N, C-alpha and C. Protein backbone atom coordinates (compact mmCIF):
# COMPACT_ATOMS: atom_id res chain seq x y z
N MET A 1 22.45 30.51 -13.59
CA MET A 1 21.32 29.88 -14.39
C MET A 1 21.30 28.51 -13.99
N LEU A 2 22.39 27.67 -13.69
CA LEU A 2 22.41 26.31 -13.26
C LEU A 2 21.54 26.19 -11.93
N LYS A 3 22.00 27.14 -11.05
CA LYS A 3 21.43 27.16 -9.60
C LYS A 3 19.79 27.21 -9.73
N ARG A 4 19.38 28.19 -10.67
CA ARG A 4 18.08 28.43 -10.71
C ARG A 4 17.28 27.19 -11.48
N THR A 5 17.95 26.52 -12.40
CA THR A 5 17.26 25.54 -13.07
C THR A 5 17.15 24.20 -12.03
N SER A 6 18.26 23.99 -11.19
CA SER A 6 18.26 23.04 -10.18
C SER A 6 17.22 23.29 -9.26
N LEU A 7 17.16 24.49 -8.68
CA LEU A 7 16.04 24.84 -7.79
C LEU A 7 14.73 24.57 -8.35
N PHE A 8 14.46 24.95 -9.67
CA PHE A 8 13.29 24.53 -10.23
C PHE A 8 12.74 23.14 -10.38
N LEU A 9 13.98 22.36 -10.53
CA LEU A 9 13.68 20.91 -10.69
C LEU A 9 13.47 20.26 -9.24
N LEU A 10 13.98 20.85 -8.31
CA LEU A 10 13.76 20.49 -6.86
C LEU A 10 12.52 20.95 -6.47
N LEU A 11 11.96 21.82 -6.77
CA LEU A 11 10.63 22.37 -6.59
C LEU A 11 9.59 21.49 -7.14
N LEU A 12 9.98 21.10 -8.59
CA LEU A 12 8.94 20.34 -9.30
C LEU A 12 8.84 19.07 -8.68
N LEU A 13 9.86 18.49 -8.16
CA LEU A 13 10.02 17.09 -7.62
C LEU A 13 9.17 17.20 -6.28
N SER A 14 9.30 18.24 -5.66
CA SER A 14 8.63 18.33 -4.36
C SER A 14 7.17 18.36 -4.45
N VAL A 15 6.71 19.33 -5.51
CA VAL A 15 5.32 19.43 -5.69
C VAL A 15 4.65 18.02 -6.10
N SER A 16 5.52 17.45 -7.13
CA SER A 16 4.90 16.23 -7.62
C SER A 16 4.66 15.19 -6.54
N THR A 17 5.74 15.15 -5.69
CA THR A 17 5.70 14.06 -4.71
C THR A 17 4.57 14.39 -3.68
N ILE A 18 4.46 15.57 -3.33
CA ILE A 18 3.33 15.97 -2.38
C ILE A 18 2.06 15.59 -3.06
N PHE A 19 1.85 15.84 -4.24
CA PHE A 19 0.53 15.53 -5.04
C PHE A 19 0.30 14.08 -5.07
N ALA A 20 1.45 13.29 -5.31
CA ALA A 20 1.25 11.78 -5.35
C ALA A 20 1.02 11.32 -4.05
N GLN A 21 1.66 11.85 -2.96
CA GLN A 21 1.25 11.15 -1.73
C GLN A 21 -0.21 11.38 -1.46
N GLU A 22 -0.79 12.61 -1.79
CA GLU A 22 -2.13 12.92 -1.59
C GLU A 22 -3.19 11.74 -2.31
N LYS A 23 -2.47 11.44 -3.43
CA LYS A 23 -3.27 10.36 -4.34
C LYS A 23 -2.94 8.85 -3.82
N ASN A 24 -2.04 8.82 -2.82
CA ASN A 24 -1.61 7.44 -2.34
C ASN A 24 -0.82 6.73 -3.34
N ILE A 25 -0.13 7.51 -4.32
CA ILE A 25 0.86 6.91 -5.16
C ILE A 25 2.44 7.20 -4.71
N LYS A 26 3.16 6.25 -4.58
CA LYS A 26 4.32 6.49 -4.18
C LYS A 26 5.52 5.75 -5.30
N ILE A 27 6.55 6.62 -5.52
CA ILE A 27 7.50 5.98 -6.55
C ILE A 27 8.72 5.41 -5.81
N VAL A 28 9.06 4.18 -6.15
CA VAL A 28 10.24 3.60 -5.61
C VAL A 28 11.15 3.00 -6.58
N GLU A 29 12.44 2.89 -6.36
CA GLU A 29 13.49 2.46 -7.31
C GLU A 29 13.96 1.17 -6.87
N GLU A 30 14.41 0.38 -7.91
CA GLU A 30 15.00 -0.95 -7.58
C GLU A 30 16.21 -1.00 -8.72
N LYS A 31 17.39 -1.29 -8.08
CA LYS A 31 18.42 -1.41 -9.02
C LYS A 31 18.71 -2.91 -9.50
N ILE A 32 18.65 -3.09 -10.74
CA ILE A 32 18.88 -4.29 -11.44
C ILE A 32 19.96 -4.29 -12.46
N ALA A 33 21.07 -4.91 -12.20
CA ALA A 33 22.27 -4.98 -12.87
C ALA A 33 22.51 -3.49 -13.27
N ASN A 34 22.50 -3.26 -14.61
CA ASN A 34 22.96 -1.73 -15.06
C ASN A 34 21.57 -0.88 -15.33
N ARG A 35 20.53 -1.16 -14.68
CA ARG A 35 19.41 -0.53 -14.88
C ARG A 35 18.73 -0.14 -13.48
N LEU A 36 17.96 1.09 -13.49
CA LEU A 36 17.24 1.57 -12.39
C LEU A 36 15.79 1.36 -12.70
N ALA A 37 15.05 0.71 -12.13
CA ALA A 37 13.74 0.48 -12.46
C ALA A 37 12.83 1.30 -11.38
N LEU A 38 11.87 1.89 -12.03
CA LEU A 38 11.02 2.91 -11.21
C LEU A 38 9.67 2.23 -11.20
N TYR A 39 9.20 2.13 -9.98
CA TYR A 39 7.78 1.47 -9.85
C TYR A 39 6.80 2.52 -9.06
N ALA A 40 5.39 2.39 -9.54
CA ALA A 40 4.45 3.12 -8.77
C ALA A 40 3.78 2.05 -7.82
N ILE A 41 3.70 2.52 -6.53
CA ILE A 41 2.95 1.71 -5.43
C ILE A 41 1.66 2.45 -5.21
N ASN A 42 0.59 1.79 -5.29
CA ASN A 42 -0.64 2.35 -5.02
C ASN A 42 -1.09 1.80 -3.70
N GLY A 43 -1.13 2.55 -2.72
CA GLY A 43 -1.61 2.14 -1.39
C GLY A 43 -2.98 2.37 -0.98
N SER A 44 -3.84 2.58 -2.08
CA SER A 44 -5.10 3.01 -1.73
C SER A 44 -6.14 1.97 -2.37
N GLU A 45 -7.43 2.16 -2.11
CA GLU A 45 -8.58 1.39 -2.75
C GLU A 45 -9.12 1.98 -3.91
N THR A 46 -8.48 2.81 -4.76
CA THR A 46 -8.74 3.43 -5.85
C THR A 46 -7.80 3.15 -7.02
N ASP A 47 -8.19 2.76 -8.21
CA ASP A 47 -7.33 2.78 -9.40
C ASP A 47 -6.89 4.19 -9.94
N TYR A 48 -5.65 4.14 -10.29
CA TYR A 48 -5.17 5.53 -10.89
C TYR A 48 -4.57 5.38 -12.19
N ASP A 49 -4.47 6.34 -13.06
CA ASP A 49 -3.55 6.43 -14.24
C ASP A 49 -2.41 7.18 -13.87
N VAL A 50 -1.14 6.70 -14.03
CA VAL A 50 0.09 7.51 -13.50
C VAL A 50 0.98 7.70 -14.92
N MET A 51 1.49 8.96 -15.05
CA MET A 51 2.43 8.99 -15.96
C MET A 51 3.71 9.80 -15.45
N ILE A 52 5.01 9.12 -15.73
CA ILE A 52 6.16 9.73 -15.10
C ILE A 52 6.97 10.33 -16.19
N THR A 53 7.59 11.46 -16.05
CA THR A 53 8.58 12.14 -16.80
C THR A 53 9.74 12.40 -16.12
N VAL A 54 10.90 11.78 -16.59
CA VAL A 54 12.13 11.78 -15.84
C VAL A 54 13.18 12.61 -16.49
N SER A 55 13.95 13.40 -15.78
CA SER A 55 14.97 14.18 -16.30
C SER A 55 16.24 14.02 -15.34
N GLY A 56 17.55 14.13 -15.98
CA GLY A 56 18.64 14.00 -15.17
C GLY A 56 19.84 13.71 -16.02
N THR A 57 20.90 13.17 -15.41
CA THR A 57 22.36 12.90 -15.93
C THR A 57 22.63 11.40 -15.52
N ASN A 58 23.57 10.99 -16.21
CA ASN A 58 24.31 10.02 -16.00
C ASN A 58 23.48 8.37 -16.21
N PHE A 59 22.49 8.65 -17.17
CA PHE A 59 21.59 7.44 -17.46
C PHE A 59 20.97 7.76 -18.82
N ARG A 60 20.60 6.83 -19.50
CA ARG A 60 19.82 6.73 -20.73
C ARG A 60 18.32 6.29 -20.43
N GLN A 61 17.40 6.70 -21.25
CA GLN A 61 16.04 6.30 -21.14
C GLN A 61 15.45 6.15 -22.48
N SER A 62 14.18 5.57 -22.61
CA SER A 62 13.44 5.52 -23.92
C SER A 62 13.12 6.89 -24.25
N LYS A 63 13.14 7.02 -25.59
CA LYS A 63 12.86 8.41 -26.29
C LYS A 63 11.39 8.63 -26.35
N GLY A 64 10.65 7.51 -26.34
CA GLY A 64 9.40 7.75 -26.47
C GLY A 64 8.50 8.49 -25.70
N LYS A 65 7.25 9.11 -26.10
CA LYS A 65 6.66 10.08 -25.38
C LYS A 65 6.04 9.32 -24.20
N PRO A 66 6.07 9.93 -22.97
CA PRO A 66 5.55 9.31 -21.71
C PRO A 66 3.97 8.95 -21.84
N ARG A 67 3.59 7.90 -21.40
CA ARG A 67 2.29 7.53 -21.56
C ARG A 67 1.68 7.32 -20.02
N LEU A 68 0.34 7.33 -20.11
CA LEU A 68 -0.30 6.95 -18.69
C LEU A 68 -0.24 5.48 -18.62
N VAL A 69 -0.07 5.05 -17.26
CA VAL A 69 0.01 3.62 -17.10
C VAL A 69 -1.01 3.36 -15.97
N ARG A 70 -1.85 2.38 -16.13
CA ARG A 70 -2.95 2.02 -15.04
C ARG A 70 -2.23 1.43 -13.89
N VAL A 71 -2.58 1.90 -12.70
CA VAL A 71 -2.01 1.32 -11.52
C VAL A 71 -3.16 1.03 -10.70
N PRO A 72 -3.47 -0.31 -10.52
CA PRO A 72 -4.83 -0.51 -9.84
C PRO A 72 -4.49 -0.51 -8.40
N GLN A 73 -5.72 -0.37 -7.69
CA GLN A 73 -5.68 -0.35 -6.23
C GLN A 73 -4.86 -1.44 -5.51
N ALA A 74 -4.29 -1.09 -4.50
CA ALA A 74 -3.36 -2.14 -3.66
C ALA A 74 -2.38 -2.88 -4.76
N SER A 75 -1.53 -2.07 -5.45
CA SER A 75 -0.68 -2.91 -6.41
C SER A 75 0.51 -2.12 -6.45
N LYS A 76 1.58 -2.75 -7.15
CA LYS A 76 2.90 -2.20 -7.61
C LYS A 76 3.12 -2.38 -9.00
N VAL A 77 3.29 -1.45 -9.80
CA VAL A 77 3.46 -1.46 -11.25
C VAL A 77 4.69 -0.90 -11.73
N HIS A 78 5.45 -1.57 -12.69
CA HIS A 78 6.75 -0.95 -13.35
C HIS A 78 6.28 0.13 -14.16
N LEU A 79 7.08 1.27 -13.94
CA LEU A 79 6.83 2.45 -14.86
C LEU A 79 7.82 2.63 -16.05
N LYS A 80 9.00 2.58 -15.43
CA LYS A 80 10.04 3.09 -16.52
C LYS A 80 11.45 2.38 -16.07
N ASN A 81 12.42 2.22 -16.90
CA ASN A 81 13.79 1.73 -16.69
C ASN A 81 14.71 3.10 -17.09
N LEU A 82 15.74 3.18 -16.38
CA LEU A 82 16.87 4.09 -16.53
C LEU A 82 18.11 3.14 -16.78
N ILE A 83 18.76 3.32 -17.93
CA ILE A 83 19.92 2.56 -18.30
C ILE A 83 21.06 3.37 -17.65
N LEU A 84 21.83 2.87 -16.75
CA LEU A 84 22.86 3.63 -15.98
C LEU A 84 24.14 3.63 -16.73
N THR A 85 24.81 4.81 -16.63
CA THR A 85 26.12 4.99 -17.39
C THR A 85 27.20 4.43 -16.50
N LYS A 86 27.95 3.54 -17.21
CA LYS A 86 28.92 2.83 -16.19
C LYS A 86 29.83 3.76 -15.49
N GLY A 87 30.14 3.36 -14.13
CA GLY A 87 31.01 4.08 -13.30
C GLY A 87 30.46 5.53 -12.89
N LYS A 88 29.27 5.81 -13.10
CA LYS A 88 28.54 7.14 -12.70
C LYS A 88 27.38 7.01 -11.82
N PHE A 89 27.13 8.00 -11.04
CA PHE A 89 26.09 7.85 -10.22
C PHE A 89 24.84 8.62 -10.80
N PRO A 90 23.54 8.15 -11.09
CA PRO A 90 22.57 8.71 -11.63
C PRO A 90 22.11 9.79 -10.79
N GLN A 91 21.61 11.01 -11.43
CA GLN A 91 21.00 12.09 -10.75
C GLN A 91 19.61 12.45 -11.52
N TYR A 92 18.69 12.25 -10.91
CA TYR A 92 17.54 12.52 -11.73
C TYR A 92 16.17 13.01 -10.81
N THR A 93 15.34 13.77 -11.56
CA THR A 93 14.18 14.26 -10.80
C THR A 93 13.00 13.78 -11.75
N TYR A 94 11.77 13.66 -11.26
CA TYR A 94 10.60 13.26 -12.07
C TYR A 94 9.56 14.24 -11.72
N GLU A 95 8.58 14.20 -12.82
CA GLU A 95 7.32 14.82 -12.71
C GLU A 95 6.28 13.83 -12.79
N LEU A 96 5.38 13.69 -11.89
CA LEU A 96 4.42 12.72 -11.78
C LEU A 96 3.10 13.44 -12.15
N VAL A 97 2.22 12.72 -12.98
CA VAL A 97 0.87 13.12 -13.14
C VAL A 97 -0.09 11.95 -12.71
N VAL A 98 -0.99 12.12 -11.91
CA VAL A 98 -1.74 11.08 -11.27
C VAL A 98 -3.30 11.36 -11.63
N ASN A 99 -4.03 10.50 -12.22
CA ASN A 99 -5.47 10.86 -12.51
C ASN A 99 -6.35 9.81 -12.02
N ASP A 100 -7.40 10.14 -11.26
CA ASP A 100 -8.38 9.18 -10.70
C ASP A 100 -9.58 9.02 -11.88
N SER A 101 -9.37 10.02 -12.91
CA SER A 101 -10.51 9.78 -13.86
C SER A 101 -9.64 8.94 -15.01
N LEU A 102 -10.13 7.72 -15.11
CA LEU A 102 -9.21 6.74 -15.85
C LEU A 102 -9.48 6.79 -17.54
N SER A 103 -8.37 6.57 -18.17
CA SER A 103 -8.33 6.68 -19.60
C SER A 103 -8.46 5.31 -20.22
N ARG A 104 -9.11 5.24 -21.37
CA ARG A 104 -9.11 3.87 -22.06
C ARG A 104 -7.83 3.63 -22.71
N ARG A 105 -6.95 4.74 -23.06
CA ARG A 105 -5.75 4.60 -23.59
C ARG A 105 -4.41 4.22 -22.80
N ALA A 106 -4.86 4.29 -21.49
CA ALA A 106 -3.71 4.01 -20.39
C ALA A 106 -3.22 2.62 -20.73
N LEU A 107 -1.89 2.38 -20.51
CA LEU A 107 -1.28 1.24 -20.77
C LEU A 107 -1.52 0.20 -19.49
N ARG A 108 -2.01 -1.12 -19.76
CA ARG A 108 -2.26 -2.02 -18.63
C ARG A 108 -0.84 -2.90 -18.62
N LYS A 109 -0.12 -2.77 -17.58
CA LYS A 109 1.12 -3.62 -17.36
C LYS A 109 0.92 -4.55 -16.32
N PRO A 110 1.64 -5.60 -16.30
CA PRO A 110 1.40 -6.52 -15.12
C PRO A 110 1.54 -5.99 -13.79
N PHE A 111 1.01 -6.30 -12.86
CA PHE A 111 1.22 -5.73 -11.55
C PHE A 111 1.15 -6.75 -10.40
N THR A 112 1.89 -6.31 -9.36
CA THR A 112 2.00 -7.10 -8.05
C THR A 112 1.10 -6.67 -7.12
N ASN A 113 0.17 -7.51 -6.55
CA ASN A 113 -0.83 -7.13 -5.37
C ASN A 113 0.15 -6.85 -4.14
N ILE A 114 -0.31 -5.86 -3.45
CA ILE A 114 0.30 -5.62 -2.26
C ILE A 114 -0.56 -5.39 -1.08
N LYS A 115 -0.10 -5.46 0.04
CA LYS A 115 -1.00 -5.18 1.39
C LYS A 115 -1.13 -3.73 1.77
N ILE A 116 -2.31 -3.32 1.98
CA ILE A 116 -2.40 -1.95 2.25
C ILE A 116 -3.01 -1.76 3.68
N LYS A 117 -2.98 -0.49 4.25
CA LYS A 117 -3.47 -0.24 5.45
C LYS A 117 -5.21 -0.09 5.26
N PRO A 118 -5.84 -0.75 6.13
CA PRO A 118 -7.41 -0.63 6.01
C PRO A 118 -7.71 0.81 6.65
N LYS A 119 -8.94 1.30 6.46
CA LYS A 119 -9.48 2.39 6.96
C LYS A 119 -9.47 2.43 8.47
N LYS A 120 -9.62 1.18 9.19
CA LYS A 120 -9.53 1.10 10.63
C LYS A 120 -8.48 0.05 10.82
N LEU A 121 -7.62 0.20 11.81
CA LEU A 121 -6.77 -0.81 12.26
C LEU A 121 -7.47 -2.18 12.52
N ILE A 122 -7.03 -3.24 12.00
CA ILE A 122 -7.67 -4.68 12.06
C ILE A 122 -6.82 -5.45 13.17
N THR A 123 -7.36 -5.82 14.28
CA THR A 123 -6.69 -6.72 15.21
C THR A 123 -7.49 -7.80 15.33
N ILE A 124 -7.18 -9.07 15.25
CA ILE A 124 -7.89 -10.35 15.51
C ILE A 124 -7.32 -10.88 16.75
N TYR A 125 -7.93 -11.15 17.79
CA TYR A 125 -7.43 -11.97 18.99
C TYR A 125 -7.91 -13.36 19.03
N VAL A 126 -7.05 -14.26 18.86
CA VAL A 126 -7.37 -15.57 18.74
C VAL A 126 -7.56 -16.28 20.15
N THR A 127 -8.87 -16.68 20.49
CA THR A 127 -9.07 -17.24 21.82
C THR A 127 -8.51 -18.79 21.89
N GLU A 128 -8.54 -19.32 23.02
CA GLU A 128 -7.84 -20.69 23.21
C GLU A 128 -8.71 -21.74 22.54
N ASN A 129 -10.13 -21.74 22.44
CA ASN A 129 -10.99 -22.57 21.84
C ASN A 129 -11.68 -21.81 20.80
N CYS A 130 -11.19 -21.84 19.49
CA CYS A 130 -11.67 -21.05 18.45
C CYS A 130 -11.95 -21.84 17.11
N PRO A 131 -12.99 -22.59 17.10
CA PRO A 131 -13.03 -23.33 15.81
C PRO A 131 -13.44 -22.41 14.76
N THR A 132 -13.91 -21.25 14.75
CA THR A 132 -14.23 -20.37 13.67
C THR A 132 -13.32 -19.36 13.39
N CYS A 133 -12.06 -19.23 14.10
CA CYS A 133 -11.19 -18.27 13.76
C CYS A 133 -10.70 -18.29 12.45
N ASP A 134 -10.45 -19.41 11.91
CA ASP A 134 -10.08 -19.35 10.29
C ASP A 134 -11.03 -18.77 9.54
N SER A 135 -12.24 -18.55 9.76
CA SER A 135 -13.23 -18.00 9.05
C SER A 135 -13.09 -16.51 8.69
N ILE A 136 -12.20 -15.96 9.75
CA ILE A 136 -11.83 -14.56 9.58
C ILE A 136 -10.19 -14.44 9.04
N ILE A 137 -9.46 -15.22 9.54
CA ILE A 137 -7.95 -15.08 9.50
C ILE A 137 -7.61 -15.49 8.13
N LYS A 138 -8.03 -16.74 7.53
CA LYS A 138 -7.85 -17.14 6.18
C LYS A 138 -8.07 -16.18 5.14
N PRO A 139 -9.48 -15.50 5.05
CA PRO A 139 -9.71 -14.62 4.10
C PRO A 139 -8.86 -13.32 4.25
N LEU A 140 -8.59 -12.91 5.61
CA LEU A 140 -7.81 -11.80 5.70
C LEU A 140 -6.31 -11.99 5.14
N ASN A 141 -5.75 -13.02 5.27
CA ASN A 141 -4.51 -13.49 4.70
C ASN A 141 -4.41 -13.42 3.18
N GLU A 142 -5.74 -13.58 2.59
CA GLU A 142 -5.67 -13.58 1.22
C GLU A 142 -6.32 -12.17 0.69
N SER A 143 -6.53 -11.30 1.52
CA SER A 143 -7.12 -10.08 1.13
C SER A 143 -6.03 -9.00 0.96
N LYS A 144 -6.28 -7.77 0.55
CA LYS A 144 -5.38 -6.71 0.32
C LYS A 144 -5.01 -6.16 1.62
N TYR A 145 -5.73 -6.28 2.81
CA TYR A 145 -5.35 -5.52 4.06
C TYR A 145 -4.46 -6.17 4.97
N LYS A 146 -3.64 -5.18 5.63
CA LYS A 146 -2.60 -5.44 6.56
C LYS A 146 -3.61 -5.72 7.92
N PHE A 147 -3.19 -6.69 8.76
CA PHE A 147 -3.89 -6.88 9.89
C PHE A 147 -2.93 -7.47 11.00
N THR A 148 -3.33 -7.48 12.12
CA THR A 148 -2.54 -8.17 13.22
C THR A 148 -3.31 -9.28 13.75
N SER A 149 -2.63 -10.45 14.00
CA SER A 149 -3.60 -11.55 14.71
C SER A 149 -2.59 -11.94 15.87
N ILE A 150 -3.32 -11.92 17.07
CA ILE A 150 -2.78 -12.21 18.29
C ILE A 150 -3.41 -13.46 19.02
N ILE A 151 -2.41 -14.40 19.23
CA ILE A 151 -2.90 -15.57 20.03
C ILE A 151 -2.87 -15.34 21.42
N LEU A 152 -3.96 -15.33 22.08
CA LEU A 152 -4.01 -14.96 23.39
C LEU A 152 -3.38 -15.97 24.35
N ALA A 153 -3.32 -17.18 24.00
CA ALA A 153 -2.56 -18.16 24.81
C ALA A 153 -1.10 -17.97 24.98
N GLU A 154 -0.57 -17.12 23.89
CA GLU A 154 0.80 -16.88 23.82
C GLU A 154 1.05 -15.38 24.50
N ARG A 155 -0.02 -14.77 24.59
CA ARG A 155 0.20 -13.19 25.13
C ARG A 155 -0.73 -13.15 26.55
N PRO A 156 -0.26 -13.72 27.56
CA PRO A 156 -1.05 -13.58 28.80
C PRO A 156 -1.35 -12.04 29.26
N GLU A 157 -0.42 -11.24 28.87
CA GLU A 157 -0.76 -9.90 29.39
C GLU A 157 -1.75 -9.01 28.48
N VAL A 158 -1.82 -9.60 27.27
CA VAL A 158 -2.89 -8.94 26.55
C VAL A 158 -4.27 -9.52 26.96
N LYS A 159 -4.40 -10.84 27.10
CA LYS A 159 -5.38 -11.49 27.65
C LYS A 159 -6.14 -10.57 28.89
N GLU A 160 -5.12 -10.50 29.82
CA GLU A 160 -5.58 -9.76 31.11
C GLU A 160 -6.04 -8.38 30.76
N GLY A 161 -5.66 -7.74 29.99
CA GLY A 161 -6.13 -6.40 29.55
C GLY A 161 -7.44 -6.38 28.82
N LEU A 162 -7.72 -7.60 28.13
CA LEU A 162 -8.95 -7.71 27.46
C LEU A 162 -10.11 -8.20 28.47
N LYS A 163 -9.63 -8.72 29.71
CA LYS A 163 -10.53 -9.16 30.69
C LYS A 163 -11.17 -7.98 31.12
N ARG A 164 -10.76 -6.89 31.11
CA ARG A 164 -11.38 -5.71 31.80
C ARG A 164 -12.69 -5.35 31.04
N VAL A 165 -12.40 -5.43 29.59
CA VAL A 165 -13.63 -5.35 28.73
C VAL A 165 -14.52 -6.49 28.47
N ILE A 166 -13.89 -7.69 28.49
CA ILE A 166 -14.61 -8.91 28.41
C ILE A 166 -14.37 -9.84 29.53
N PRO A 167 -14.98 -9.68 30.49
CA PRO A 167 -14.94 -10.57 31.83
C PRO A 167 -14.99 -11.95 31.52
N LYS A 168 -15.72 -12.57 30.90
CA LYS A 168 -15.87 -14.04 30.45
C LYS A 168 -15.13 -14.27 29.27
N ILE A 169 -13.89 -13.87 29.07
CA ILE A 169 -13.22 -14.13 27.77
C ILE A 169 -12.75 -15.65 27.76
N ASP A 170 -12.51 -16.44 28.93
CA ASP A 170 -12.02 -17.71 28.87
C ASP A 170 -13.36 -18.73 28.24
N SER A 171 -14.48 -18.13 28.20
CA SER A 171 -15.52 -19.13 27.95
C SER A 171 -15.78 -18.77 26.24
N ILE A 172 -15.29 -17.76 25.65
CA ILE A 172 -15.30 -17.27 24.21
C ILE A 172 -14.90 -18.40 23.47
N GLN A 173 -15.61 -18.85 22.32
CA GLN A 173 -15.09 -19.71 21.33
C GLN A 173 -15.27 -19.13 19.93
N LYS A 174 -14.93 -17.90 19.82
CA LYS A 174 -14.98 -17.27 18.57
C LYS A 174 -13.78 -16.14 18.66
N PRO A 175 -13.32 -15.72 17.36
CA PRO A 175 -12.39 -14.70 17.32
C PRO A 175 -12.91 -13.38 18.05
N ILE A 176 -12.15 -12.51 18.63
CA ILE A 176 -12.48 -11.24 19.20
C ILE A 176 -11.78 -10.22 18.16
N VAL A 177 -12.81 -9.55 17.70
CA VAL A 177 -12.25 -8.59 16.68
C VAL A 177 -12.38 -7.13 17.04
N SER A 178 -11.07 -6.49 16.77
CA SER A 178 -11.06 -5.06 16.96
C SER A 178 -10.70 -4.25 15.73
N LEU A 179 -11.64 -3.23 15.58
CA LEU A 179 -11.46 -2.29 14.47
C LEU A 179 -11.16 -0.85 14.97
N GLY A 180 -10.14 -0.48 14.76
CA GLY A 180 -9.59 1.04 15.19
C GLY A 180 -9.77 1.14 16.73
N GLY A 181 -9.45 -0.11 17.36
CA GLY A 181 -9.26 -0.02 18.89
C GLY A 181 -10.66 -0.29 19.54
N LYS A 182 -11.69 -0.48 18.80
CA LYS A 182 -12.92 -0.73 19.32
C LYS A 182 -13.29 -2.28 19.11
N ILE A 183 -13.89 -2.74 20.24
CA ILE A 183 -14.23 -4.18 20.03
C ILE A 183 -15.54 -4.45 19.53
N PHE A 184 -15.68 -5.25 18.47
CA PHE A 184 -16.94 -5.63 17.80
C PHE A 184 -17.32 -7.15 18.13
N PRO A 185 -18.04 -7.34 19.26
CA PRO A 185 -18.39 -8.78 19.70
C PRO A 185 -19.22 -9.47 18.77
N LYS A 186 -19.98 -8.84 17.81
CA LYS A 186 -20.96 -9.54 17.03
C LYS A 186 -20.30 -10.02 15.60
N VAL A 187 -19.01 -9.68 15.45
CA VAL A 187 -18.35 -9.95 14.17
C VAL A 187 -17.81 -11.36 14.28
N GLU A 188 -18.30 -12.19 13.64
CA GLU A 188 -17.81 -13.81 13.68
C GLU A 188 -17.35 -14.24 12.40
N ASN A 189 -17.29 -13.55 11.22
CA ASN A 189 -16.78 -13.95 10.01
C ASN A 189 -16.37 -12.98 9.14
N TYR A 190 -15.56 -13.09 7.99
CA TYR A 190 -14.96 -12.21 7.28
C TYR A 190 -15.97 -11.13 6.54
N ASP A 191 -16.95 -11.70 6.13
CA ASP A 191 -18.08 -10.76 5.47
C ASP A 191 -18.74 -9.77 6.50
N GLN A 192 -18.83 -10.17 7.74
CA GLN A 192 -19.39 -9.18 8.85
C GLN A 192 -18.18 -8.29 8.98
N LEU A 193 -16.98 -8.70 8.93
CA LEU A 193 -15.86 -7.83 9.35
C LEU A 193 -15.84 -6.72 8.30
N MET A 194 -15.94 -7.11 7.09
CA MET A 194 -15.99 -6.21 5.91
C MET A 194 -17.03 -5.09 6.15
N VAL A 195 -18.15 -5.49 6.56
CA VAL A 195 -19.38 -4.55 6.63
C VAL A 195 -18.97 -3.61 7.54
N GLU A 196 -18.50 -4.03 8.76
CA GLU A 196 -18.00 -3.00 9.96
C GLU A 196 -16.90 -2.17 9.46
N LEU A 197 -15.96 -2.66 8.81
CA LEU A 197 -14.71 -2.06 8.32
C LEU A 197 -15.28 -0.76 7.48
N ASN A 198 -16.19 -1.08 6.64
CA ASN A 198 -16.52 -0.13 5.47
C ASN A 198 -17.57 0.99 6.00
N LYS A 199 -18.11 0.76 7.20
CA LYS A 199 -19.01 1.76 7.77
C LYS A 199 -18.17 3.20 8.12
N ASP A 200 -18.89 4.24 7.89
CA ASP A 200 -18.35 5.49 8.29
C ASP A 200 -18.39 5.83 9.60
């Protein structure tokens, strides 16, 4: 009976994890003193309501009924604490419910903004004379998106590769923008970048 129960919990965890990955929700743990804190990380551009139910041994938890917690897009939210039994290793499984139909009753907890992958990989090539490069790089640094910035003066091999596509690269005084590996020569600022990024 124990083996059957363990197998059931393992399958339940696997199904929950697969479902969560499809919804772009990932559960991570952080050990803080005698506690194990469980967080939900939302790596998408959609808000979700998340509810976690934890089972296992060698820890204590709140006996309150699990509730939905709002996990905004591109954020990390604390869901639950497990109080560890001294000298013992915690063993637990969890069931995760993820809803994109948001409830008014969902708890709103403090959250931390995170950087997420955009729909298309963003690369900004900084030319040697580029007075307008900050008009893209500064807003990108403040945005939720991960991106790569390459200073061509420091990467001559990259510059040589770009010359095959842009022969007059030495005379360009604006950032060279690549989205998903494709060069967008008309993009000169952050707003234009966002327009192209969100096109299908």
